[in-house]
């Protein structure tokens, strides 16, 4: 019994430190839905014209993050679309209030800043 418990604990710790962060899927739409999916980034716009990127904060606090893609907006982010369907945002996303999350979104993956 102790051996099985130790084996399960080892497997849990191994998964914890070797697991890849989830890949955020991308949805292009004109309006934000009422309920947001956890690992989905919403790009709002019409056709090739985009004005906003929206997502739930990846820390799990539940806040909706709004990143302006409009060229005249301040602050604003640049969206890069990749052939595999993922997107990147630059510069980093940094919440100054609340959870204070700070991260980069690169090819659909969150890379946390220290």
C-alpha atoms as a PDB file:
ATOM      1  CA  UNK A   1       0.000   0.000   0.000  1.00  0.00           C
ATOM      2  CA  UNK A   2       2.792   2.459   0.852  1.00  0.00           C
ATOM      3  CA  UNK A   3       4.571   1.597  -2.396  1.00  0.00           C
ATOM      4  CA  UNK A   4       1.445   2.460  -4.455  1.00  0.00           C
ATOM      5  CA  UNK A   5       1.038   5.758  -2.619  1.00  0.00           C
ATOM      6  CA  UNK A   6       4.692   6.672  -3.262  1.00  0.00           C
ATOM      7  CA  UNK A   7       4.358   5.716  -6.934  1.00  0.00           C
ATOM      8  CA  UNK A   8       1.226   7.885  -7.339  1.00  0.00           C
ATOM      9  CA  UNK A   9       2.952  10.819  -5.618  1.00  0.00           C
ATOM     10  CA  UNK A  10       5.994  10.460  -7.884  1.00  0.00           C
ATOM     11  CA  UNK A  11       3.791  10.343 -11.004  1.00  0.00           C
ATOM     12  CA  UNK A  12       1.888  13.460  -9.831  1.00  0.00           C
ATOM     13  CA  UNK A  13       5.133  15.379  -9.197  1.00  0.00           C
ATOM     14  CA  UNK A  14       6.573  14.298 -12.555  1.00  0.00           C
ATOM     15  CA  UNK A  15       3.449  15.514 -14.382  1.00  0.00           C
ATOM     16  CA  UNK A  16       3.510  18.768 -12.432  1.00  0.00           C
ATOM     17  CA  UNK A  17       7.026  19.678 -13.540  1.00  0.00           C
ATOM     18  CA  UNK A  18       7.083  18.243 -17.074  1.00  0.00           C
ATOM     19  CA  UNK A  19       3.607  19.164 -18.309  1.00  0.00           C
ATOM     20  CA  UNK A  20       3.379  21.621 -21.189  1.00  0.00           C
ATOM     21  CA  UNK A  21       1.151  24.662 -20.695  1.00  0.00           C
ATOM     22  CA  UNK A  22      -2.161  24.433 -22.554  1.00  0.00           C
ATOM     23  CA  UNK A  23      -2.358  25.863 -26.058  1.00  0.00           C
ATOM     24  CA  UNK A  24      -4.913  28.630 -26.439  1.00  0.00           C
ATOM     25  CA  UNK A  25      -7.159  28.101 -29.444  1.00  0.00           C
ATOM     26  CA  UNK A  26      -8.169  31.168 -31.446  1.00  0.00           C
ATOM     27  CA  UNK A  27     -11.690  32.295 -32.339  1.00  0.00           C
ATOM     28  CA  UNK A  28     -12.263  35.167 -34.767  1.00  0.00           C
ATOM     29  CA  UNK A  29     -15.643  36.849 -34.302  1.00  0.00           C
ATOM     30  CA  UNK A  30     -17.437  40.182 -34.410  1.00  0.00           C
ATOM     31  CA  UNK A  31     -18.799  40.170 -30.842  1.00  0.00           C
ATOM     32  CA  UNK A  32     -17.632  38.672 -27.570  1.00  0.00           C
ATOM     33  CA  UNK A  33     -19.892  35.856 -26.320  1.00  0.00           C
ATOM     34  CA  UNK A  34     -21.518  36.142 -22.892  1.00  0.00           C
ATOM     35  CA  UNK A  35     -19.495  33.236 -21.526  1.00  0.00           C
ATOM     36  CA  UNK A  36     -15.798  32.820 -22.359  1.00  0.00           C
ATOM     37  CA  UNK A  37     -13.975  29.497 -22.675  1.00  0.00           C
ATOM     38  CA  UNK A  38     -10.934  29.009 -20.451  1.00  0.00           C
ATOM     39  CA  UNK A  39      -8.308  28.265 -23.136  1.00  0.00           C
ATOM     40  CA  UNK A  40      -9.622  30.365 -25.994  1.00  0.00           C
ATOM     41  CA  UNK A  41      -8.453  33.784 -27.142  1.00  0.00           C
ATOM     42  CA  UNK A  42     -11.124  35.808 -28.920  1.00  0.00           C
ATOM     43  CA  UNK A  43     -10.033  38.118 -31.725  1.00  0.00           C
ATOM     44  CA  UNK A  44     -12.776  40.653 -32.393  1.00  0.00           C
ATOM     45  CA  UNK A  45     -13.108  42.333 -35.750  1.00  0.00           C
ATOM     46  CA  UNK A  46     -14.513  42.101 -39.253  1.00  0.00           C
ATOM     47  CA  UNK A  47     -12.537  40.281 -41.928  1.00  0.00           C
ATOM     48  CA  UNK A  48      -8.895  41.327 -41.849  1.00  0.00           C
ATOM     49  CA  UNK A  49      -9.667  44.357 -39.652  1.00  0.00           C
ATOM     50  CA  UNK A  50      -9.263  43.436 -35.966  1.00  0.00           C
ATOM     51  CA  UNK A  51      -9.721  45.756 -33.021  1.00  0.00           C
ATOM     52  CA  UNK A  52      -9.463  43.681 -29.850  1.00  0.00           C
ATOM     53  CA  UNK A  53      -8.128  40.464 -28.299  1.00  0.00           C
ATOM     54  CA  UNK A  54     -10.023  39.112 -25.302  1.00  0.00           C
ATOM     55  CA  UNK A  55      -9.349  36.198 -22.967  1.00  0.00           C
ATOM     56  CA  UNK A  56      -9.860  35.001 -19.425  1.00  0.00           C
ATOM     57  CA  UNK A  57      -6.826  35.700 -17.257  1.00  0.00           C
ATOM     58  CA  UNK A  58      -4.646  32.574 -17.369  1.00  0.00           C
ATOM     59  CA  UNK A  59      -3.950  32.736 -13.612  1.00  0.00           C
ATOM     60  CA  UNK A  60      -7.495  31.508 -12.966  1.00  0.00           C
ATOM     61  CA  UNK A  61      -8.814  34.647 -11.238  1.00  0.00           C
ATOM     62  CA  UNK A  62     -11.703  34.801 -13.748  1.00  0.00           C
ATOM     63  CA  UNK A  63     -11.116  38.371 -14.940  1.00  0.00           C
ATOM     64  CA  UNK A  64     -11.605  39.126 -18.628  1.00  0.00           C
ATOM     65  CA  UNK A  65      -8.534  40.699 -20.234  1.00  0.00           C
ATOM     66  CA  UNK A  66      -9.111  43.239 -23.018  1.00  0.00           C
ATOM     67  CA  UNK A  67      -6.147  44.017 -25.299  1.00  0.00           C
ATOM     68  CA  UNK A  68      -6.641  46.725 -27.912  1.00  0.00           C
ATOM     69  CA  UNK A  69      -5.334  45.930 -31.391  1.00  0.00           C
ATOM     70  CA  UNK A  70      -6.400  49.308 -32.794  1.00  0.00           C
ATOM     71  CA  UNK A  71      -3.398  51.236 -34.189  1.00  0.00           C
ATOM     72  CA  UNK A  72      -4.449  54.445 -32.417  1.00  0.00           C
ATOM     73  CA  UNK A  73      -5.198  52.763 -29.071  1.00  0.00           C
ATOM     74  CA  UNK A  74      -3.011  53.188 -26.014  1.00  0.00           C
ATOM     75  CA  UNK A  75      -1.956  50.775 -24.740  1.00  0.00           C
ATOM     76  CA  UNK A  76      -2.125  48.520 -27.772  1.00  0.00           C
ATOM     77  CA  UNK A  77      -0.881  45.099 -28.751  1.00  0.00           C
ATOM     78  CA  UNK A  78       0.258  43.652 -32.049  1.00  0.00           C
ATOM     79  CA  UNK A  79      -1.295  40.382 -33.156  1.00  0.00           C
ATOM     80  CA  UNK A  80       0.726  37.837 -35.121  1.00  0.00           C
ATOM     81  CA  UNK A  81      -1.132  34.975 -36.805  1.00  0.00           C
ATOM     82  CA  UNK A  82       0.795  31.748 -37.341  1.00  0.00           C
ATOM     83  CA  UNK A  83       0.177  29.072 -40.022  1.00  0.00           C
ATOM     84  CA  UNK A  84      -0.715  26.486 -37.337  1.00  0.00           C
ATOM     85  CA  UNK A  85      -3.713  28.621 -36.286  1.00  0.00           C
ATOM     86  CA  UNK A  86      -2.143  29.999 -33.111  1.00  0.00           C
ATOM     87  CA  UNK A  87      -1.549  33.672 -32.375  1.00  0.00           C
ATOM     88  CA  UNK A  88       1.032  35.729 -30.511  1.00  0.00           C
ATOM     89  CA  UNK A  89       0.578  39.092 -28.795  1.00  0.00           C
ATOM     90  CA  UNK A  90       3.271  41.653 -28.158  1.00  0.00           C
ATOM     91  CA  UNK A  91       4.211  43.289 -25.916  1.00  0.00           C
ATOM     92  CA  UNK A  92       3.526  41.282 -22.757  1.00  0.00           C
ATOM     93  CA  UNK A  93       0.209  41.452 -20.900  1.00  0.00           C
ATOM     94  CA  UNK A  94       0.654  42.880 -17.411  1.00  0.00           C
ATOM     95  CA  UNK A  95      -2.232  43.429 -15.018  1.00  0.00           C
ATOM     96  CA  UNK A  96      -1.416  46.353 -12.736  1.00  0.00           C
ATOM     97  CA  UNK A  97      -4.351  45.613 -10.392  1.00  0.00           C
ATOM     98  CA  UNK A  98      -6.027  42.495  -9.088  1.00  0.00           C
ATOM     99  CA  UNK A  99      -3.968  39.333  -9.599  1.00  0.00           C
ATOM    100  CA  UNK A 100      -1.071  41.306 -11.158  1.00  0.00           C
ATOM    101  CA  UNK A 101      -0.418  38.592 -13.758  1.00  0.00           C
ATOM    102  CA  UNK A 102       2.402  39.286 -16.196  1.00  0.00           C
ATOM    103  CA  UNK A 103       2.898  37.037 -19.212  1.00  0.00           C
ATOM    104  CA  UNK A 104       3.628  36.760 -22.926  1.00  0.00           C
ATOM    105  CA  UNK A 105       1.269  34.951 -25.292  1.00  0.00           C
ATOM    106  CA  UNK A 106       3.503  33.213 -27.848  1.00  0.00           C
ATOM    107  CA  UNK A 107       2.101  30.809 -30.433  1.00  0.00           C
ATOM    108  CA  UNK A 108      -0.942  30.197 -28.261  1.00  0.00           C
ATOM    109  CA  UNK A 109       1.042  29.448 -25.083  1.00  0.00           C
ATOM    110  CA  UNK A 110       1.338  31.561 -21.971  1.00  0.00           C
ATOM    111  CA  UNK A 111       4.917  32.261 -20.898  1.00  0.00           C
ATOM    112  CA  UNK A 112       4.923  33.720 -17.405  1.00  0.00           C
ATOM    113  CA  UNK A 113       7.270  36.568 -16.459  1.00  0.00           C
ATOM    114  CA  UNK A 114       9.137  36.264 -13.189  1.00  0.00           C
END
